[in-house]
Amino acid sequence: MSPVQAMTAVIRRGGGLGTLPANSTRNMDRIATKRAVLKAARTRLENTAAELKARIDELKAVTIGDDNAESASQTESTRGSDVDLMNSLGMQLEHVLQDIDRLGIVAPDALMDTVQFGAVVHTDRRNLLVGFSLEEFDAGGKRYLGVTPKAPLVQSLYGRKVGESAVVNGVAYTVQDIC
């Protein structure tokens, strides 16, 4: 079993480094928050994937059906730009589908006590879902931003616990809660 497969198995079981038991009312509330955030993130990613697929299908229909254009040079130019756009949208779609797959390995009941992949992190400035590139979305009456582990903010916060801070570009972020 590769290290990635081993970590995936641990995350799916709800264990791993920095996880906490779900045995208190506070922890139950945190689990509910994490579930709501993961559900909202999945919905947002699925909607984005559907929009990208629809746009790609539109471009395919236009490109294939563009035989009645005014001139051959206009047709070739338009088709070239449409193909470039379809390729770009296709790459974006692949990234979104990969994020949907990765989201599936995060155990909603696995509470964490450090900032890490799959954590829902509340700071004094932003609320984050760590591991996924995702525009802001709403869950449980709060705004969240999906950020990859490569993001400077996550790299600075990685491994931090509640009450600890990190400074990014001169701005301090204090971790208030981790789910």
Foldseek 3Di string as FASTA:
>chain_A
DDPVVVVLVQQQVLHDPFWDACDDPVLVVQLVQLVQVLVFQLVQLVVLLVVLVVLLVVLVCCLVPVPPDPDPVVNVVSNVVSVVVSVVSVVVSVLSVVLSVVSVSHHSSTWGFAQDQQKFWDWPVATEGEQHQGDWDDGPRHIYGYDYCPDPVNVQRGGPGAQDWGADPNDIIGTHGMD
